[in-house]
C-alpha atoms as a PDB file:
ATOM      1  CA  MET A   1      24.418  -7.805  -7.207  1.00  0.00           C
ATOM      2  CA  ALA A   2      23.314  -9.106  -9.950  1.00  0.00           C
ATOM      3  CA  GLU A   3      23.249  -7.034 -13.568  1.00  0.00           C
ATOM      4  CA  ILE A   4      19.774  -4.864 -14.117  1.00  0.00           C
ATOM      5  CA  GLY A   5      17.915  -6.711 -16.884  1.00  0.00           C
ATOM      6  CA  ALA A   6      18.905 -10.234 -15.787  1.00  0.00           C
ATOM      7  CA  VAL A   7      16.129 -12.887 -15.393  1.00  0.00           C
ATOM      8  CA  ASP A   8      16.726 -15.510 -12.767  1.00  0.00           C
ATOM      9  CA  ALA A   9      15.308 -19.041 -13.307  1.00  0.00           C
ATOM     10  CA  HIS A  10      11.630 -18.301 -13.068  1.00  0.00           C
ATOM     11  CA  GLY A  11      11.773 -15.633 -15.789  1.00  0.00           C
ATOM     12  CA  GLY A  12      11.444 -12.911 -13.510  1.00  0.00           C
ATOM     13  CA  ALA A  13      13.384  -9.452 -14.009  1.00  0.00           C
ATOM     14  CA  ILE A  14      16.177  -9.991 -10.943  1.00  0.00           C
ATOM     15  CA  GLY A  15      17.025  -6.097 -11.560  1.00  0.00           C
ATOM     16  CA  GLU A  16      13.218  -5.063 -10.208  1.00  0.00           C
ATOM     17  CA  LEU A  17      13.145  -7.352  -7.783  1.00  0.00           C
ATOM     18  CA  ASP A  18      16.552  -5.564  -6.392  1.00  0.00           C
ATOM     19  CA  ARG A  19      15.302  -2.261  -6.486  1.00  0.00           C
ATOM     20  CA  ARG A  20      12.064  -3.167  -4.995  1.00  0.00           C
ATOM     21  CA  THR A  21      13.896  -4.911  -2.025  1.00  0.00           C
ATOM     22  CA  ASP A  22      15.546  -1.663  -2.180  1.00  0.00           C
ATOM     23  CA  GLU A  23      12.852   0.688  -1.895  1.00  0.00           C
ATOM     24  CA  GLU A  24      10.943  -1.456   0.970  1.00  0.00           C
ATOM     25  CA  ASN A  25      13.843  -1.724   2.746  1.00  0.00           C
ATOM     26  CA  LEU A  26      14.439   2.531   2.682  1.00  0.00           C
ATOM     27  CA  VAL A  27      10.729   2.527   3.665  1.00  0.00           C
ATOM     28  CA  VAL A  28      10.830   0.193   6.669  1.00  0.00           C
ATOM     29  CA  THR A  29      14.139   2.019   7.481  1.00  0.00           C
ATOM     30  CA  LEU A  30      11.975   5.655   7.130  1.00  0.00           C
ATOM     31  CA  VAL A  31       9.323   4.311   9.331  1.00  0.00           C
ATOM     32  CA  GLU A  32      11.643   2.754  12.136  1.00  0.00           C
ATOM     33  CA  ARG A  33      13.767   5.849  12.047  1.00  0.00           C
ATOM     34  CA  VAL A  34      10.602   8.242  12.706  1.00  0.00           C
ATOM     35  CA  ALA A  35       9.416   6.375  15.536  1.00  0.00           C
ATOM     36  CA  ALA A  36      12.797   6.315  17.477  1.00  0.00           C
ATOM     37  CA  THR A  37      12.696  10.199  17.154  1.00  0.00           C
ATOM     38  CA  LEU A  38       9.200  10.355  18.363  1.00  0.00           C
ATOM     39  CA  GLY A  39       9.626   7.244  21.057  1.00  0.00           C
ATOM     40  CA  ARG A  40       6.831   5.332  19.873  1.00  0.00           C
ATOM     41  CA  ASP A  41       6.174   2.029  18.307  1.00  0.00           C
ATOM     42  CA  PRO A  42       6.417   2.335  14.288  1.00  0.00           C
ATOM     43  CA  ILE A  43       2.978   0.287  14.402  1.00  0.00           C
ATOM     44  CA  ASP A  44       0.928   3.240  16.050  1.00  0.00           C
ATOM     45  CA  LEU A  45       2.141   6.155  13.363  1.00  0.00           C
ATOM     46  CA  PRO A  46      -0.021   7.116  10.773  1.00  0.00           C
ATOM     47  CA  SER A  47       1.046   5.775   7.349  1.00  0.00           C
ATOM     48  CA  LEU A  48       3.767   7.388   6.060  1.00  0.00           C
ATOM     49  CA  SER A  49       2.568   6.733   2.557  1.00  0.00           C
ATOM     50  CA  LYS A  50      -0.896   9.687   3.409  1.00  0.00           C
ATOM     51  CA  GLU A  51       1.807  12.424   3.713  1.00  0.00           C
ATOM     52  CA  VAL A  52       4.855  11.523   1.384  1.00  0.00           C
ATOM     53  CA  ASP A  53       4.751   9.272  -1.932  1.00  0.00           C
ATOM     54  CA  LEU A  54       7.161   7.162  -0.582  1.00  0.00           C
ATOM     55  CA  GLU A  55       8.304   5.270  -3.684  1.00  0.00           C
ATOM     56  CA  ALA A  56       9.262   8.555  -5.244  1.00  0.00           C
ATOM     57  CA  VAL A  57      11.415   9.142  -2.302  1.00  0.00           C
ATOM     58  CA  ALA A  58      13.178   5.766  -2.624  1.00  0.00           C
ATOM     59  CA  THR A  59      13.651   6.360  -6.076  1.00  0.00           C
ATOM     60  CA  LEU A  60      15.044   9.841  -5.933  1.00  0.00           C
ATOM     61  CA  GLY A  61      16.661   8.722  -3.095  1.00  0.00           C
ATOM     62  CA  ALA A  62      18.895   6.082  -4.995  1.00  0.00           C
ATOM     63  CA  ALA A  63      19.602   8.762  -7.814  1.00  0.00           C
ATOM     64  CA  PRO A  64      23.429   9.453  -7.362  1.00  0.00           C
ATOM     65  CA  GLY A  65      24.232  12.630  -5.464  1.00  0.00           C
ATOM     66  CA  ALA A  66      20.772  13.065  -5.351  1.00  0.00           C
ATOM     67  CA  THR A  67      19.068  13.985  -1.187  1.00  0.00           C
ATOM     68  CA  VAL A  68      15.295  14.135  -0.468  1.00  0.00           C
ATOM     69  CA  SER A  69      13.859  16.323   2.528  1.00  0.00           C
ATOM     70  CA  PHE A  70      10.510  16.230   3.685  1.00  0.00           C
ATOM     71  CA  GLN A  71       8.326  16.467   6.543  1.00  0.00           C
ATOM     72  CA  ALA A  72       6.316  13.877   7.971  1.00  0.00           C
ATOM     73  CA  CYS A  73       4.623  12.649  11.032  1.00  0.00           C
ATOM     74  CA  ASP A  74       6.090  15.922  13.077  1.00  0.00           C
ATOM     75  CA  CYS A  75       9.451  15.084  11.852  1.00  0.00           C
ATOM     76  CA  ALA A  76      12.032  16.523   9.173  1.00  0.00           C
ATOM     77  CA  VAL A  77      13.359  13.441   7.668  1.00  0.00           C
ATOM     78  CA  PHE A  78      16.715  13.656   5.347  1.00  0.00           C
ATOM     79  CA  VAL A  79      17.517  10.461   2.784  1.00  0.00           C
ATOM     80  CA  GLY A  80      20.855  10.917   1.196  1.00  0.00           C
ATOM     81  CA  SER A  81      21.927   9.011  -1.878  1.00  0.00           C
ATOM     82  CA  SER A  82      23.963   6.570  -0.281  1.00  0.00           C
ATOM     83  CA  GLY A  83      20.986   5.427   1.914  1.00  0.00           C
ATOM     84  CA  ASP A  84      21.541   7.814   4.695  1.00  0.00           C
ATOM     85  CA  VAL A  85      18.076   8.406   6.998  1.00  0.00           C
ATOM     86  CA  SER A  86      18.223  11.178   9.380  1.00  0.00           C
ATOM     87  CA  VAL A  87      15.145  12.261  11.192  1.00  0.00           C
ATOM     88  CA  SER A  88      15.141  15.113  13.741  1.00  0.00           C
ATOM     89  CA  ARG A  89      11.912  16.593  15.470  1.00  0.00           C
ATOM     90  CA  LEU A  90      10.105  19.487  14.490  1.00  0.00           C
ATOM     91  CA  ASP A  91       9.487  20.668  17.509  1.00  0.00           C
ATOM     92  CA  ALA A  92      13.288  19.920  19.279  1.00  0.00           C
ATOM     93  CA  GLU A  93      14.262  22.869  21.209  1.00  0.00           C
ATOM     94  CA  PRO A  94      17.286  24.325  18.763  1.00  0.00           C
ATOM     95  CA  PHE A  95      20.647  23.024  19.984  1.00  0.00           C
ATOM     96  CA  GLU A  96      23.019  25.243  21.427  1.00  0.00           C
ATOM     97  CA  GLY A  97      24.902  27.804  19.456  1.00  0.00           C
ATOM     98  CA  ALA A  98      22.356  27.943  16.880  1.00  0.00           C
ATOM     99  CA  ALA A  99      21.565  30.980  15.360  1.00  0.00           C
END
């Protein structure tokens, strides 16, 4: 992993490039997980960016020990600082034994 503040051969900030790539990867993961949870093709989903600030989710989700949760597309979404993403339908039947 490149050191933050390092510069590549073309003068680009390597740390910023790595960070942007991580944010983009998180957004792709979010869209894919929401689509899978709903049983839909990701291209058929409404834009998640209209429902939540994805840049803020990626930034907060990358902070050590931070977690982010939000609702989008009739799903509850949880993002952990380790990059774990959990998605469940809001209209899902409660699991057996739930209070």
